[in-house]
Amino acid sequence: MSGVNHDLYKAEERRMAMTEARRGLRIHEAVTVLVCLGLAVVNVFFASEFPWAIFPALGMSLGVWFHWYFGVQHGDEFIRRHQEDIEREVGRHAA
């Protein structure tokens, strides 16, 4: 790890984690849309008397919202807190 100081390392770790969180959210969104569309098609063609597909769509959308809120919107805060916990543990064991 020559030429990399502690602050640069932490910043890059946060940047990489947030990039991965955004990628995970995009995948989650795509899967949610595809599954909801599939359920809507099944609902329309095989059980059109009641629009039941809205319920799983709402639940899956809530899951995407939680993923965005905790993984992307507040992800940097969680990562920073995690890094501080690791530093505290390392300091405890080093002393």
PDB file of N, CA and C in Angstrom:
ATOM      1  N   MET A   1       0.831  -1.178   0.000  1.00  0.00           N
ATOM      2  CA  MET A   1       0.000   0.000   0.000  1.00  0.00           C
ATOM      3  C   MET A   1       0.879   1.246   0.000  1.00  0.00           C
ATOM      4  N   SER A   2       1.892   1.250  -0.779  1.00  0.00           N
ATOM      5  CA  SER A   2       2.804   2.388  -0.818  1.00  0.00           C
ATOM      6  C   SER A   2       2.143   3.571  -1.516  1.00  0.00           C
ATOM      7  N   GLY A   3       2.358   4.776  -0.984  1.00  0.00           N
ATOM      8  CA  GLY A   3       1.834   5.979  -1.591  1.00  0.00           C
ATOM      9  C   GLY A   3       0.379   6.263  -1.295  1.00  0.00           C
ATOM     10  N   VAL A   4      -0.261   5.461  -0.464  1.00  0.00           N
ATOM     11  CA  VAL A   4      -1.671   5.671  -0.140  1.00  0.00           C
ATOM     12  C   VAL A   4      -1.764   5.956   1.351  1.00  0.00           C
ATOM     13  N   ASN A   5      -2.294   7.131   1.678  1.00  0.00           N
ATOM     14  CA  ASN A   5      -2.457   7.412   3.101  1.00  0.00           C
ATOM     15  C   ASN A   5      -3.832   6.929   3.569  1.00  0.00           C
ATOM     16  N   HIS A   6      -4.020   6.967   4.854  1.00  0.00           N
ATOM     17  CA  HIS A   6      -5.210   6.423   5.485  1.00  0.00           C
ATOM     18  C   HIS A   6      -6.486   7.131   4.998  1.00  0.00           C
ATOM     19  N   ASP A   7      -6.456   8.458   4.908  1.00  0.00           N
ATOM     20  CA  ASP A   7      -7.645   9.210   4.486  1.00  0.00           C
ATOM     21  C   ASP A   7      -8.016   8.920   3.034  1.00  0.00           C
ATOM     22  N   LEU A   8      -7.016   8.819   2.171  1.00  0.00           N
ATOM     23  CA  LEU A   8      -7.297   8.478   0.773  1.00  0.00           C
ATOM     24  C   LEU A   8      -7.890   7.082   0.658  1.00  0.00           C
ATOM     25  N   TYR A   9      -7.369   6.163   1.451  1.00  0.00           N
ATOM     26  CA  TYR A   9      -7.872   4.791   1.440  1.00  0.00           C
ATOM     27  C   TYR A   9      -9.344   4.760   1.858  1.00  0.00           C
ATOM     28  N   LYS A  10      -9.670   5.458   2.954  1.00  0.00           N
ATOM     29  CA  LYS A  10     -11.056   5.478   3.439  1.00  0.00           C
ATOM     30  C   LYS A  10     -11.993   6.109   2.411  1.00  0.00           C
ATOM     31  N   ALA A  11     -11.556   7.215   1.794  1.00  0.00           N
ATOM     32  CA  ALA A  11     -12.387   7.879   0.800  1.00  0.00           C
ATOM     33  C   ALA A  11     -12.634   6.974  -0.407  1.00  0.00           C
ATOM     34  N   GLU A  12     -11.603   6.287  -0.853  1.00  0.00           N
ATOM     35  CA  GLU A  12     -11.759   5.388  -2.008  1.00  0.00           C
ATOM     36  C   GLU A  12     -12.629   4.192  -1.655  1.00  0.00           C
ATOM     37  N   GLU A  13     -12.490   3.693  -0.446  1.00  0.00           N
ATOM     38  CA  GLU A  13     -13.341   2.582  -0.012  1.00  0.00           C
ATOM     39  C   GLU A  13     -14.812   3.005  -0.011  1.00  0.00           C
ATOM     40  N   ARG A  14     -15.085   4.217   0.487  1.00  0.00           N
ATOM     41  CA  ARG A  14     -16.465   4.724   0.481  1.00  0.00           C
ATOM     42  C   ARG A  14     -16.966   4.897  -0.948  1.00  0.00           C
ATOM     43  N   ARG A  15     -16.125   5.451  -1.829  1.00  0.00           N
ATOM     44  CA  ARG A  15     -16.530   5.655  -3.218  1.00  0.00           C
ATOM     45  C   ARG A  15     -16.869   4.327  -3.890  1.00  0.00           C
ATOM     46  N   MET A  16     -16.020   3.330  -3.673  1.00  0.00           N
ATOM     47  CA  MET A  16     -16.254   2.019  -4.282  1.00  0.00           C
ATOM     48  C   MET A  16     -17.514   1.363  -3.717  1.00  0.00           C
ATOM     49  N   ALA A  17     -17.736   1.493  -2.422  1.00  0.00           N
ATOM     50  CA  ALA A  17     -18.923   0.904  -1.801  1.00  0.00           C
ATOM     51  C   ALA A  17     -20.193   1.575  -2.322  1.00  0.00           C
ATOM     52  N   MET A  18     -20.154   2.893  -2.504  1.00  0.00           N
ATOM     53  CA  MET A  18     -21.332   3.591  -3.018  1.00  0.00           C
ATOM     54  C   MET A  18     -21.591   3.235  -4.483  1.00  0.00           C
ATOM     55  N   THR A  19     -20.532   3.048  -5.258  1.00  0.00           N
ATOM     56  CA  THR A  19     -20.693   2.617  -6.650  1.00  0.00           C
ATOM     57  C   THR A  19     -21.368   1.245  -6.689  1.00  0.00           C
ATOM     58  N   GLU A  20     -20.928   0.355  -5.818  1.00  0.00           N
ATOM     59  CA  GLU A  20     -21.528  -0.986  -5.749  1.00  0.00           C
ATOM     60  C   GLU A  20     -22.980  -0.918  -5.267  1.00  0.00           C
ATOM     61  N   ALA A  21     -23.270  -0.014  -4.330  1.00  0.00           N
ATOM     62  CA  ALA A  21     -24.643   0.141  -3.840  1.00  0.00           C
ATOM     63  C   ALA A  21     -25.561   0.634  -4.958  1.00  0.00           C
ATOM     64  N   ARG A  22     -25.095   1.587  -5.748  1.00  0.00           N
ATOM     65  CA  ARG A  22     -25.906   2.094  -6.872  1.00  0.00           C
ATOM     66  C   ARG A  22     -26.129   1.005  -7.925  1.00  0.00           C
ATOM     67  N   ARG A  23     -25.096   0.220  -8.167  1.00  0.00           N
ATOM     68  CA  ARG A  23     -25.223  -0.884  -9.131  1.00  0.00           C
ATOM     69  C   ARG A  23     -26.244  -1.904  -8.626  1.00  0.00           C
ATOM     70  N   GLY A  24     -26.166  -2.225  -7.348  1.00  0.00           N
ATOM     71  CA  GLY A  24     -27.119  -3.157  -6.762  1.00  0.00           C
ATOM     72  C   GLY A  24     -28.546  -2.637  -6.826  1.00  0.00           C
ATOM     73  N   LEU A  25     -28.706  -1.329  -6.632  1.00  0.00           N
ATOM     74  CA  LEU A  25     -30.041  -0.736  -6.716  1.00  0.00           C
ATOM     75  C   LEU A  25     -30.577  -0.826  -8.142  1.00  0.00           C
ATOM     76  N   ARG A  26     -29.742  -0.556  -9.134  1.00  0.00           N
ATOM     77  CA  ARG A  26     -30.193  -0.655 -10.532  1.00  0.00           C
ATOM     78  C   ARG A  26     -30.639  -2.083 -10.863  1.00  0.00           C
ATOM     79  N   ILE A  27     -29.901  -3.060 -10.380  1.00  0.00           N
ATOM     80  CA  ILE A  27     -30.279  -4.461 -10.611  1.00  0.00           C
ATOM     81  C   ILE A  27     -31.593  -4.766  -9.914  1.00  0.00           C
ATOM     82  N   HIS A  28     -31.730  -4.308  -8.676  1.00  0.00           N
ATOM     83  CA  HIS A  28     -32.963  -4.526  -7.915  1.00  0.00           C
ATOM     84  C   HIS A  28     -34.155  -3.895  -8.638  1.00  0.00           C
ATOM     85  N   GLU A  29     -33.968  -2.667  -9.147  1.00  0.00           N
ATOM     86  CA  GLU A  29     -35.046  -1.999  -9.887  1.00  0.00           C
ATOM     87  C   GLU A  29     -35.427  -2.780 -11.142  1.00  0.00           C
ATOM     88  N   ALA A  30     -34.434  -3.236 -11.889  1.00  0.00           N
ATOM     89  CA  ALA A  30     -34.711  -3.971 -13.127  1.00  0.00           C
ATOM     90  C   ALA A  30     -35.467  -5.267 -12.851  1.00  0.00           C
ATOM     91  N   VAL A  31     -35.034  -5.999 -11.839  1.00  0.00           N
ATOM     92  CA  VAL A  31     -35.714  -7.252 -11.490  1.00  0.00           C
ATOM     93  C   VAL A  31     -37.145  -6.969 -11.034  1.00  0.00           C
ATOM     94  N   THR A  32     -37.321  -5.923 -10.249  1.00  0.00           N
ATOM     95  CA  THR A  32     -38.662  -5.563  -9.780  1.00  0.00           C
ATOM     96  C   THR A  32     -39.583  -5.236 -10.944  1.00  0.00           C
ATOM     97  N   VAL A  33     -39.100  -4.436 -11.882  1.00  0.00           N
ATOM     98  CA  VAL A  33     -39.919  -4.069 -13.037  1.00  0.00           C
ATOM     99  C   VAL A  33     -40.281  -5.306 -13.850  1.00  0.00           C
ATOM    100  N   LEU A  34     -39.315  -6.169 -14.121  1.00  0.00           N
ATOM    101  CA  LEU A  34     -39.590  -7.371 -14.921  1.00  0.00           C
ATOM    102  C   LEU A  34     -40.593  -8.301 -14.238  1.00  0.00           C
ATOM    103  N   VAL A  35     -40.412  -8.519 -12.952  1.00  0.00           N
ATOM    104  CA  VAL A  35     -41.334  -9.404 -12.225  1.00  0.00           C
ATOM    105  C   VAL A  35     -42.726  -8.784 -12.171  1.00  0.00           C
ATOM    106  N   CYS A  36     -42.811  -7.482 -11.915  1.00  0.00           N
ATOM    107  CA  CYS A  36     -44.119  -6.831 -11.853  1.00  0.00           C
ATOM    108  C   CYS A  36     -44.828  -6.875 -13.208  1.00  0.00           C
ATOM    109  N   LEU A  37     -44.067  -6.669 -14.275  1.00  0.00           N
ATOM    110  CA  LEU A  37     -44.678  -6.785 -15.603  1.00  0.00           C
ATOM    111  C   LEU A  37     -45.178  -8.202 -15.866  1.00  0.00           C
ATOM    112  N   GLY A  38     -44.374  -9.180 -15.478  1.00  0.00           N
ATOM    113  CA  GLY A  38     -44.794 -10.573 -15.644  1.00  0.00           C
ATOM    114  C   GLY A  38     -46.048 -10.890 -14.850  1.00  0.00           C
ATOM    115  N   LEU A  39     -46.098 -10.417 -13.628  1.00  0.00           N
ATOM    116  CA  LEU A  39     -47.291 -10.642 -12.802  1.00  0.00           C
ATOM    117  C   LEU A  39     -48.505  -9.916 -13.382  1.00  0.00           C
ATOM    118  N   ALA A  40     -48.308  -8.731 -13.920  1.00  0.00           N
ATOM    119  CA  ALA A  40     -49.422  -7.995 -14.531  1.00  0.00           C
ATOM    120  C   ALA A  40     -49.962  -8.746 -15.749  1.00  0.00           C
ATOM    121  N   VAL A  41     -49.067  -9.305 -16.544  1.00  0.00           N
ATOM    122  CA  VAL A  41     -49.499 -10.088 -17.710  1.00  0.00           C
ATOM    123  C   VAL A  41     -50.300 -11.303 -17.254  1.00  0.00           C
ATOM    124  N   VAL A  42     -49.799 -12.017 -16.254  1.00  0.00           N
ATOM    125  CA  VAL A  42     -50.538 -13.170 -15.728  1.00  0.00           C
ATOM    126  C   VAL A  42     -51.888 -12.730 -15.194  1.00  0.00           C
ATOM    127  N   ASN A  43     -51.908 -11.609 -14.470  1.00  0.00           N
ATOM    128  CA  ASN A  43     -53.152 -11.100 -13.910  1.00  0.00           C
ATOM    129  C   ASN A  43     -54.171 -10.781 -15.013  1.00  0.00           C
ATOM    130  N   VAL A  44     -53.728 -10.104 -16.057  1.00  0.00           N
ATOM    131  CA  VAL A  44     -54.639  -9.686 -17.127  1.00  0.00           C
ATOM    132  C   VAL A  44     -55.172 -10.889 -17.918  1.00  0.00           C
ATOM    133  N   PHE A  45     -54.303 -11.846 -18.225  1.00  0.00           N
ATOM    134  CA  PHE A  45     -54.720 -12.941 -19.107  1.00  0.00           C
ATOM    135  C   PHE A  45     -55.320 -14.146 -18.389  1.00  0.00           C
ATOM    136  N   PHE A  46     -55.006 -14.323 -17.109  1.00  0.00           N
ATOM    137  CA  PHE A  46     -55.485 -15.543 -16.440  1.00  0.00           C
ATOM    138  C   PHE A  46     -56.385 -15.292 -15.238  1.00  0.00           C
ATOM    139  N   ALA A  47     -56.392 -14.096 -14.699  1.00  0.00           N
ATOM    140  CA  ALA A  47     -57.237 -13.821 -13.530  1.00  0.00           C
ATOM    141  C   ALA A  47     -57.631 -12.352 -13.528  1.00  0.00           C
ATOM    142  N   SER A  48     -58.277 -11.936 -14.596  1.00  0.00           N
ATOM    143  CA  SER A  48     -58.559 -10.515 -14.779  1.00  0.00           C
ATOM    144  C   SER A  48     -59.711  -9.985 -13.937  1.00  0.00           C
ATOM    145  N   GLU A  49     -60.395 -10.845 -13.209  1.00  0.00           N
ATOM    146  CA  GLU A  49     -61.536 -10.371 -12.429  1.00  0.00           C
ATOM    147  C   GLU A  49     -61.137  -9.502 -11.232  1.00  0.00           C
ATOM    148  N   PHE A  50     -59.879  -9.597 -10.783  1.00  0.00           N
ATOM    149  CA  PHE A  50     -59.406  -8.757  -9.669  1.00  0.00           C
ATOM    150  C   PHE A  50     -57.939  -8.388  -9.921  1.00  0.00           C
ATOM    151  N   PRO A  51     -57.589  -7.125  -9.767  1.00  0.00           N
ATOM    152  CA  PRO A  51     -56.214  -6.692 -10.041  1.00  0.00           C
ATOM    153  C   PRO A  51     -55.251  -7.017  -8.885  1.00  0.00           C
ATOM    154  N   TRP A  52     -55.041  -8.282  -8.625  1.00  0.00           N
ATOM    155  CA  TRP A  52     -54.208  -8.704  -7.500  1.00  0.00           C
ATOM    156  C   TRP A  52     -52.732  -8.382  -7.688  1.00  0.00           C
ATOM    157  N   ALA A  53     -52.284  -8.193  -8.917  1.00  0.00           N
ATOM    158  CA  ALA A  53     -50.860  -7.965  -9.177  1.00  0.00           C
ATOM    159  C   ALA A  53     -50.356  -6.660  -8.565  1.00  0.00           C
ATOM    160  N   ILE A  54     -51.270  -5.776  -8.220  1.00  0.00           N
ATOM    161  CA  ILE A  54     -50.853  -4.514  -7.607  1.00  0.00           C
ATOM    162  C   ILE A  54     -50.221  -4.744  -6.232  1.00  0.00           C
ATOM    163  N   PHE A  55     -50.663  -5.762  -5.509  1.00  0.00           N
ATOM    164  CA  PHE A  55     -50.153  -5.995  -4.154  1.00  0.00           C
ATOM    165  C   PHE A  55     -48.689  -6.424  -4.142  1.00  0.00           C
ATOM    166  N   PRO A  56     -48.288  -7.421  -4.927  1.00  0.00           N
ATOM    167  CA  PRO A  56     -46.852  -7.722  -4.968  1.00  0.00           C
ATOM    168  C   PRO A  56     -46.040  -6.572  -5.556  1.00  0.00           C
ATOM    169  N   ALA A  57     -46.617  -5.827  -6.501  1.00  0.00           N
ATOM    170  CA  ALA A  57     -45.896  -4.689  -7.081  1.00  0.00           C
ATOM    171  C   ALA A  57     -45.628  -3.629  -6.011  1.00  0.00           C
ATOM    172  N   LEU A  58     -46.608  -3.368  -5.169  1.00  0.00           N
ATOM    173  CA  LEU A  58     -46.419  -2.397  -4.085  1.00  0.00           C
ATOM    174  C   LEU A  58     -45.373  -2.888  -3.088  1.00  0.00           C
ATOM    175  N   GLY A  59     -45.439  -4.152  -2.737  1.00  0.00           N
ATOM    176  CA  GLY A  59     -44.465  -4.709  -1.793  1.00  0.00           C
ATOM    177  C   GLY A  59     -43.050  -4.685  -2.345  1.00  0.00           C
ATOM    178  N   MET A  60     -42.916  -5.055  -3.605  1.00  0.00           N
ATOM    179  CA  MET A  60     -41.576  -5.049  -4.209  1.00  0.00           C
ATOM    180  C   MET A  60     -41.059  -3.623  -4.376  1.00  0.00           C
ATOM    181  N   SER A  61     -41.949  -2.695  -4.675  1.00  0.00           N
ATOM    182  CA  SER A  61     -41.547  -1.294  -4.791  1.00  0.00           C
ATOM    183  C   SER A  61     -41.101  -0.741  -3.442  1.00  0.00           C
ATOM    184  N   LEU A  62     -41.746  -1.172  -2.402  1.00  0.00           N
ATOM    185  CA  LEU A  62     -41.326  -0.768  -1.056  1.00  0.00           C
ATOM    186  C   LEU A  62     -39.922  -1.300  -0.766  1.00  0.00           C
ATOM    187  N   GLY A  63     -39.638  -2.512  -1.195  1.00  0.00           N
ATOM    188  CA  GLY A  63     -38.298  -3.070  -1.040  1.00  0.00           C
ATOM    189  C   GLY A  63     -37.248  -2.267  -1.796  1.00  0.00           C
ATOM    190  N   VAL A  64     -37.585  -1.811  -2.994  1.00  0.00           N
ATOM    191  CA  VAL A  64     -36.662  -0.973  -3.775  1.00  0.00           C
ATOM    192  C   VAL A  64     -36.449   0.358  -3.057  1.00  0.00           C
ATOM    193  N   TRP A  65     -37.515   0.928  -2.506  1.00  0.00           N
ATOM    194  CA  TRP A  65     -37.384   2.191  -1.783  1.00  0.00           C
ATOM    195  C   TRP A  65     -36.452   2.038  -0.586  1.00  0.00           C
ATOM    196  N   PHE A  66     -36.625   0.968   0.184  1.00  0.00           N
ATOM    197  CA  PHE A  66     -35.733   0.729   1.327  1.00  0.00           C
ATOM    198  C   PHE A  66     -34.296   0.544   0.853  1.00  0.00           C
ATOM    199  N   HIS A  67     -34.095  -0.147  -0.227  1.00  0.00           N
ATOM    200  CA  HIS A  67     -32.759  -0.342  -0.787  1.00  0.00           C
ATOM    201  C   HIS A  67     -32.144   1.016  -1.134  1.00  0.00           C
ATOM    202  N   TRP A  68     -32.925   1.884  -1.787  1.00  0.00           N
ATOM    203  CA  TRP A  68     -32.430   3.215  -2.130  1.00  0.00           C
ATOM    204  C   TRP A  68     -32.141   4.027  -0.869  1.00  0.00           C
ATOM    205  N   TYR A  69     -33.072   4.048   0.082  1.00  0.00           N
ATOM    206  CA  TYR A  69     -32.947   4.896   1.259  1.00  0.00           C
ATOM    207  C   TYR A  69     -31.760   4.499   2.126  1.00  0.00           C
ATOM    208  N   PHE A  70     -31.650   3.215   2.434  1.00  0.00           N
ATOM    209  CA  PHE A  70     -30.585   2.773   3.334  1.00  0.00           C
ATOM    210  C   PHE A  70     -29.288   2.438   2.603  1.00  0.00           C
ATOM    211  N   GLY A  71     -29.378   2.039   1.347  1.00  0.00           N
ATOM    212  CA  GLY A  71     -28.180   1.624   0.632  1.00  0.00           C
ATOM    213  C   GLY A  71     -27.506   2.723  -0.162  1.00  0.00           C
ATOM    214  N   VAL A  72     -28.296   3.662  -0.678  1.00  0.00           N
ATOM    215  CA  VAL A  72     -27.720   4.715  -1.518  1.00  0.00           C
ATOM    216  C   VAL A  72     -27.823   6.071  -0.831  1.00  0.00           C
ATOM    217  N   GLN A  73     -29.020   6.461  -0.424  1.00  0.00           N
ATOM    218  CA  GLN A  73     -29.218   7.783   0.165  1.00  0.00           C
ATOM    219  C   GLN A  73     -28.405   7.966   1.441  1.00  0.00           C
ATOM    220  N   HIS A  74     -28.408   6.975   2.318  1.00  0.00           N
ATOM    221  CA  HIS A  74     -27.675   7.070   3.586  1.00  0.00           C
ATOM    222  C   HIS A  74     -26.506   6.090   3.652  1.00  0.00           C
ATOM    223  N   GLY A  75     -26.149   5.529   2.512  1.00  0.00           N
ATOM    224  CA  GLY A  75     -25.076   4.535   2.476  1.00  0.00           C
ATOM    225  C   GLY A  75     -23.740   5.078   2.929  1.00  0.00           C
ATOM    226  N   ASP A  76     -23.407   6.300   2.529  1.00  0.00           N
ATOM    227  CA  ASP A  76     -22.122   6.881   2.905  1.00  0.00           C
ATOM    228  C   ASP A  76     -22.011   7.019   4.420  1.00  0.00           C
ATOM    229  N   GLU A  77     -23.109   7.385   5.051  1.00  0.00           N
ATOM    230  CA  GLU A  77     -23.133   7.503   6.516  1.00  0.00           C
ATOM    231  C   GLU A  77     -22.881   6.146   7.175  1.00  0.00           C
ATOM    232  N   PHE A  78     -23.511   5.101   6.659  1.00  0.00           N
ATOM    233  CA  PHE A  78     -23.325   3.761   7.215  1.00  0.00           C
ATOM    234  C   PHE A  78     -21.895   3.270   7.011  1.00  0.00           C
ATOM    235  N   ILE A  79     -21.347   3.562   5.842  1.00  0.00           N
ATOM    236  CA  ILE A  79     -19.969   3.144   5.553  1.00  0.00           C
ATOM    237  C   ILE A  79     -19.000   3.870   6.473  1.00  0.00           C
ATOM    238  N   ARG A  80     -19.209   5.175   6.641  1.00  0.00           N
ATOM    239  CA  ARG A  80     -18.341   5.964   7.515  1.00  0.00           C
ATOM    240  C   ARG A  80     -18.399   5.434   8.951  1.00  0.00           C
ATOM    241  N   ARG A  81     -19.594   5.122   9.413  1.00  0.00           N
ATOM    242  CA  ARG A  81     -19.754   4.579  10.770  1.00  0.00           C
ATOM    243  C   ARG A  81     -19.057   3.219  10.902  1.00  0.00           C
ATOM    244  N   HIS A  82     -19.166   2.412   9.856  1.00  0.00           N
ATOM    245  CA  HIS A  82     -18.511   1.100   9.853  1.00  0.00           C
ATOM    246  C   HIS A  82     -16.994   1.255   9.902  1.00  0.00           C
ATOM    247  N   GLN A  83     -16.464   2.202   9.125  1.00  0.00           N
ATOM    248  CA  GLN A  83     -15.024   2.449   9.136  1.00  0.00           C
ATOM    249  C   GLN A  83     -14.562   2.916  10.517  1.00  0.00           C
ATOM    250  N   GLU A  84     -15.349   3.764  11.170  1.00  0.00           N
ATOM    251  CA  GLU A  84     -14.998   4.225  12.517  1.00  0.00           C
ATOM    252  C   GLU A  84     -15.015   3.065  13.510  1.00  0.00           C
ATOM    253  N   ASP A  85     -15.990   2.150  13.373  1.00  0.00           N
ATOM    254  CA  ASP A  85     -16.041   0.969  14.244  1.00  0.00           C
ATOM    255  C   ASP A  85     -14.791   0.104  14.064  1.00  0.00           C
ATOM    256  N   ILE A  86     -14.368  -0.068  12.817  1.00  0.00           N
ATOM    257  CA  ILE A  86     -13.168  -0.868  12.552  1.00  0.00           C
ATOM    258  C   ILE A  86     -11.947  -0.203  13.166  1.00  0.00           C
ATOM    259  N   GLU A  87     -11.820   1.111  12.993  1.00  0.00           N
ATOM    260  CA  GLU A  87     -10.679   1.830  13.568  1.00  0.00           C
ATOM    261  C   GLU A  87     -10.671   1.713  15.097  1.00  0.00           C
ATOM    262  N   ARG A  88     -11.846   1.792  15.689  1.00  0.00           N
ATOM    263  CA  ARG A  88     -11.948   1.672  17.154  1.00  0.00           C
ATOM    264  C   ARG A  88     -11.503   0.272  17.602  1.00  0.00           C
ATOM    265  N   GLU A  89     -11.946  -0.756  16.877  1.00  0.00           N
ATOM    266  CA  GLU A  89     -11.567  -2.127  17.217  1.00  0.00           C
ATOM    267  C   GLU A  89     -10.061  -2.345  17.042  1.00  0.00           C
ATOM    268  N   VAL A  90      -9.511  -1.828  15.957  1.00  0.00           N
ATOM    269  CA  VAL A  90      -8.074  -1.968  15.727  1.00  0.00           C
ATOM    270  C   VAL A  90      -7.296  -1.269  16.838  1.00  0.00           C
ATOM    271  N   GLY A  91      -7.757  -0.075  17.224  1.00  0.00           N
ATOM    272  CA  GLY A  91      -7.103   0.655  18.303  1.00  0.00           C
ATOM    273  C   GLY A  91      -7.180  -0.074  19.622  1.00  0.00           C
ATOM    274  N   ARG A  92      -8.282  -0.742  19.871  1.00  0.00           N
ATOM    275  CA  ARG A  92      -8.447  -1.507  21.114  1.00  0.00           C
ATOM    276  C   ARG A  92      -7.488  -2.683  21.152  1.00  0.00           C
ATOM    277  N   HIS A  93      -7.338  -3.366  20.032  1.00  0.00           N
ATOM    278  CA  HIS A  93      -6.480  -4.552  19.985  1.00  0.00           C
ATOM    279  C   HIS A  93      -4.998  -4.197  19.898  1.00  0.00           C
ATOM    280  N   ALA A  94      -4.710  -3.011  19.353  1.00  0.00           N
ATOM    281  CA  ALA A  94      -3.308  -2.605  19.222  1.00  0.00           C
ATOM    282  C   ALA A  94      -2.743  -2.099  20.538  1.00  0.00           C
ATOM    283  N   ALA A  95      -3.620  -1.617  21.407  1.00  0.00           N
ATOM    284  CA  ALA A  95      -3.145  -1.036  22.677  1.00  0.00           C
ATOM    285  C   ALA A  95      -2.844  -2.073  23.724  1.00  0.00           C
TER     286      ALA A  95
END
